[in-house]
Every structure is written in structure tokens, then in C-alpha cells.
Amino acid sequence: MAVFQRTGIWYLDYYYQGKRIRESVGTSKREAEQALAVRKAEIIQGRYHFQNDKLSPQFSVFAVEYLDYQQTQNRSWKRVQTSLNRLMPYFGDKHLAEITPKDIELYKQKQLLQPKQTPYIKHRILVKPATINHDLAYLKNLFTIAIKYCKSSDTSWTGR
């Protein structure tokens, strides 16, 4: 936790629930130090609740927009749709900001261990690692497109 000055304005720099937060306070160092002391006390007492201005959409909501985008940009958009259908049970109810690397690792492990049955093949086959890599490539691209959409739009997402 610290205070710093940039172009004549003092800022607070602290972490809350693992997220780095920076906020401007004013033009006085003393005022910034007092505000930092107040933030520390609020965090310790459990009264501080950070409200993020940028809200992330739910995976299932943005996946529809992403698929629409892919239909105009990608000739093999049906492959994207297949990957999104496989990703939906794992991430569909989460907001994009809530998806962690641990969630992605769990997805990979479950996919590798989960046998699938196709309608035209009688026996069960395991999902191949290459299929999982394709799914993760589309997931990564979905995040990239979401970041571009969030930066370009003035409105925040309605999901959260």
C-alpha cells in the first residue's frame, strides 16, 4: 500500500482481494496518506467493497456475440461453434472476469479424462489433446475480442 504523485495529483495504490487498485485522491500528499489510512481500516474491518466500473459479460452471453463475429470473419465458424458448445458447460454461468487459469486447467483435465460417444461410432473415444488445444485457442481469441469490445464501447455489460 502506497501513495504516489503523478502530474500534480496524488494516487493510492493498494491490493484488495488479490486485485491491484489505484485511485486518485487529490492534490495534497497529506490528504492521500489519510485516505490510505481510511482504506486500510475499511479493509481490515471488512467494510470496504470495491465496485468495478468495467463489468464483464457472462460467458454464455458473450459467446453468442463471438460466434456472430466469427461467422463474418472465419470460413470455418462451425468449428468455432463446436468448441463453444464444448466450453459452455464449464464456463457458461461464469463472467469472463471470473474465469481463472485454474478453471482452464480443470477444463483440460476433465476433457482428457471424459470419454465421448459420437452418433456414428458405437464405441467411446477419448477427446484428443489437439481438440482441447483448438478449444483453448478459441477461448483465448474470445477473450481478445471481449477486451477489444470493452475498450471500444462506452456502455458497460448488463450481466454484472
Protein backbone atom coordinates (compact mmCIF):
# COMPACT_ATOMS: atom_id res chain seq x y z
CA MET A 1 0.00 0.00 0.00
CA ALA A 2 1.43 3.29 -1.06
CA VAL A 3 0.74 6.82 -2.19
CA PHE A 4 2.38 8.37 -5.23
CA GLN A 5 2.18 11.54 -7.24
CA ARG A 6 1.78 11.88 -10.98
CA THR A 7 1.34 15.21 -12.77
CA GLY A 8 0.38 17.01 -9.60
CA ILE A 9 -2.30 14.52 -8.47
CA TRP A 10 -1.80 12.05 -5.62
CA TYR A 11 -2.93 8.44 -6.00
CA LEU A 12 -3.49 5.47 -3.72
CA ASP A 13 -2.07 2.11 -4.76
CA TYR A 14 -3.24 -0.97 -2.82
CA TYR A 15 -4.46 -4.53 -3.20
CA TYR A 16 -7.92 -5.80 -2.29
CA GLN A 17 -8.80 -9.50 -2.66
CA GLY A 18 -5.78 -10.04 -4.88
CA LYS A 19 -6.61 -7.19 -7.25
CA ARG A 20 -4.48 -4.10 -7.60
CA ILE A 21 -6.46 -0.90 -7.16
CA ARG A 22 -5.28 2.59 -7.98
CA GLU A 23 -7.41 5.62 -7.31
CA SER A 24 -6.83 9.34 -7.40
CA VAL A 25 -7.29 11.31 -4.20
CA GLY A 26 -6.36 14.92 -4.72
CA THR A 27 -3.52 17.40 -4.83
CA SER A 28 -2.31 17.04 -1.24
CA LYS A 29 0.07 14.33 -0.01
CA ARG A 30 -1.36 14.59 3.49
CA GLU A 31 -4.86 14.04 2.12
CA ALA A 32 -3.65 10.98 0.20
CA GLU A 33 -1.99 9.48 3.29
CA GLN A 34 -5.17 9.99 5.31
CA ALA A 35 -7.26 8.38 2.57
CA LEU A 36 -4.88 5.40 2.51
CA ALA A 37 -5.21 5.01 6.28
CA VAL A 38 -9.01 5.07 5.91
CA ARG A 39 -8.86 2.40 3.15
CA LYS A 40 -6.63 0.18 5.31
CA ALA A 41 -9.05 0.46 8.22
CA GLU A 42 -12.06 -0.30 6.00
CA ILE A 43 -10.36 -3.37 4.54
CA ILE A 44 -9.33 -4.67 7.97
CA GLN A 45 -12.82 -4.11 9.39
CA GLY A 46 -14.48 -5.71 6.36
CA ARG A 47 -16.43 -2.60 5.42
CA TYR A 48 -14.69 -1.91 2.12
CA HIS A 49 -16.40 -3.17 -1.03
CA PHE A 50 -14.69 -2.43 -4.31
CA GLN A 51 -17.06 -1.79 -7.18
CA ASN A 52 -15.50 -2.32 -10.55
CA ASP A 53 -16.62 0.21 -13.15
CA LYS A 54 -15.88 -2.13 -16.02
CA LEU A 55 -18.25 -5.05 -15.83
CA SER A 56 -17.57 -8.25 -17.68
CA PRO A 57 -20.24 -10.17 -19.59
CA GLN A 58 -21.28 -13.68 -18.80
CA PHE A 59 -19.50 -16.29 -20.91
CA SER A 60 -22.73 -17.63 -22.38
CA VAL A 61 -23.85 -14.11 -23.40
CA PHE A 62 -20.58 -13.12 -25.00
CA ALA A 63 -20.16 -16.49 -26.72
CA VAL A 64 -23.19 -15.63 -28.88
CA GLU A 65 -21.61 -12.31 -29.89
CA TYR A 66 -18.30 -14.03 -30.51
CA LEU A 67 -19.94 -16.61 -32.76
CA ASP A 68 -21.62 -13.82 -34.74
CA TYR A 69 -18.22 -12.18 -35.14
CA GLN A 70 -16.64 -15.46 -36.26
CA GLN A 71 -19.36 -16.04 -38.86
CA THR A 72 -18.30 -12.85 -40.63
CA GLN A 73 -14.54 -13.33 -40.15
CA ASN A 74 -13.93 -17.06 -40.36
CA ARG A 75 -14.98 -19.55 -43.03
CA SER A 76 -14.72 -22.41 -40.54
CA TRP A 77 -17.06 -20.84 -37.99
CA LYS A 78 -18.82 -24.17 -37.47
CA ARG A 79 -15.60 -25.42 -35.83
CA VAL A 80 -15.78 -22.41 -33.53
CA GLN A 81 -19.38 -23.31 -32.71
CA THR A 82 -18.35 -26.86 -31.85
CA SER A 83 -15.64 -25.59 -29.50
CA LEU A 84 -18.03 -23.14 -27.84
CA ASN A 85 -20.54 -25.95 -27.31
CA ARG A 86 -17.81 -27.93 -25.55
CA LEU A 87 -16.73 -24.91 -23.45
CA MET A 88 -20.28 -23.86 -22.47
CA PRO A 89 -20.91 -26.46 -19.71
CA TYR A 90 -17.71 -25.42 -17.93
CA PHE A 91 -17.77 -21.63 -18.29
CA GLY A 92 -21.34 -20.75 -19.35
CA ASP A 93 -22.54 -19.42 -16.00
CA LYS A 94 -19.32 -17.53 -15.16
CA HIS A 95 -18.45 -13.97 -16.05
CA LEU A 96 -15.36 -13.58 -18.21
CA ALA A 97 -13.50 -11.82 -15.38
CA GLU A 98 -14.15 -14.79 -13.07
CA ILE A 99 -12.51 -17.39 -15.32
CA THR A 100 -9.13 -18.22 -13.83
CA PRO A 101 -6.18 -20.26 -15.11
CA LYS A 102 -7.17 -22.91 -12.57
CA ASP A 103 -10.62 -23.19 -14.18
CA ILE A 104 -8.98 -23.68 -17.57
CA GLU A 105 -6.66 -26.37 -16.19
CA LEU A 106 -9.66 -28.18 -14.67
CA TYR A 107 -11.41 -28.00 -18.05
CA LYS A 108 -8.36 -29.56 -19.73
CA GLN A 109 -8.15 -32.36 -17.17
CA LYS A 110 -11.85 -33.17 -17.35
CA GLN A 111 -11.82 -33.19 -21.14
CA LEU A 112 -8.83 -35.53 -21.27
CA LEU A 113 -10.47 -37.98 -18.88
CA GLN A 114 -14.02 -37.74 -20.21
CA PRO A 115 -14.94 -40.21 -22.92
CA LYS A 116 -17.42 -39.07 -25.57
CA GLN A 117 -19.71 -41.06 -27.76
CA THR A 118 -20.45 -39.90 -31.26
CA PRO A 119 -23.67 -40.89 -33.03
CA TYR A 120 -21.88 -42.64 -35.90
CA ILE A 121 -19.31 -44.53 -33.78
CA LYS A 122 -20.55 -47.25 -31.46
CA HIS A 123 -17.59 -47.25 -29.04
CA ARG A 124 -16.48 -44.42 -26.80
CA ILE A 125 -13.39 -42.42 -27.65
CA LEU A 126 -11.37 -40.00 -25.58
CA VAL A 127 -11.10 -36.37 -26.51
CA LYS A 128 -7.73 -35.83 -28.13
CA PRO A 129 -5.29 -33.20 -26.84
CA ALA A 130 -5.37 -31.44 -30.22
CA THR A 131 -9.12 -30.92 -29.84
CA ILE A 132 -8.59 -29.37 -26.42
CA ASN A 133 -5.87 -27.12 -27.85
CA HIS A 134 -8.28 -25.91 -30.54
CA ASP A 135 -10.90 -25.18 -27.88
CA LEU A 136 -8.39 -23.22 -25.83
CA ALA A 137 -7.25 -21.27 -28.88
CA TYR A 138 -10.84 -20.15 -29.49
CA LEU A 139 -11.25 -19.35 -25.80
CA LYS A 140 -8.14 -17.16 -25.96
CA ASN A 141 -9.42 -15.41 -29.07
CA LEU A 142 -12.80 -14.91 -27.36
CA PHE A 143 -11.02 -13.07 -24.52
CA THR A 144 -9.09 -10.95 -27.02
CA ILE A 145 -12.29 -9.93 -28.83
CA ALA A 146 -14.01 -9.23 -25.49
CA ILE A 147 -11.20 -6.87 -24.48
CA LYS A 148 -11.48 -5.05 -27.81
CA TYR A 149 -15.27 -4.76 -27.42
CA CYS A 150 -14.95 -3.45 -23.86
CA LYS A 151 -12.39 -0.81 -24.88
CA SER A 152 -14.37 0.37 -27.88
CA SER A 153 -17.83 0.51 -26.26
CA ASP A 154 -18.85 3.27 -23.88
CA THR A 155 -21.59 1.18 -22.30
CA SER A 156 -20.89 -1.46 -19.71
CA TRP A 157 -22.16 -5.01 -19.89
CA THR A 158 -25.55 -5.70 -18.39
CA GLY A 159 -24.59 -9.08 -16.92
CA ARG A 160 -22.76 -7.86 -13.83
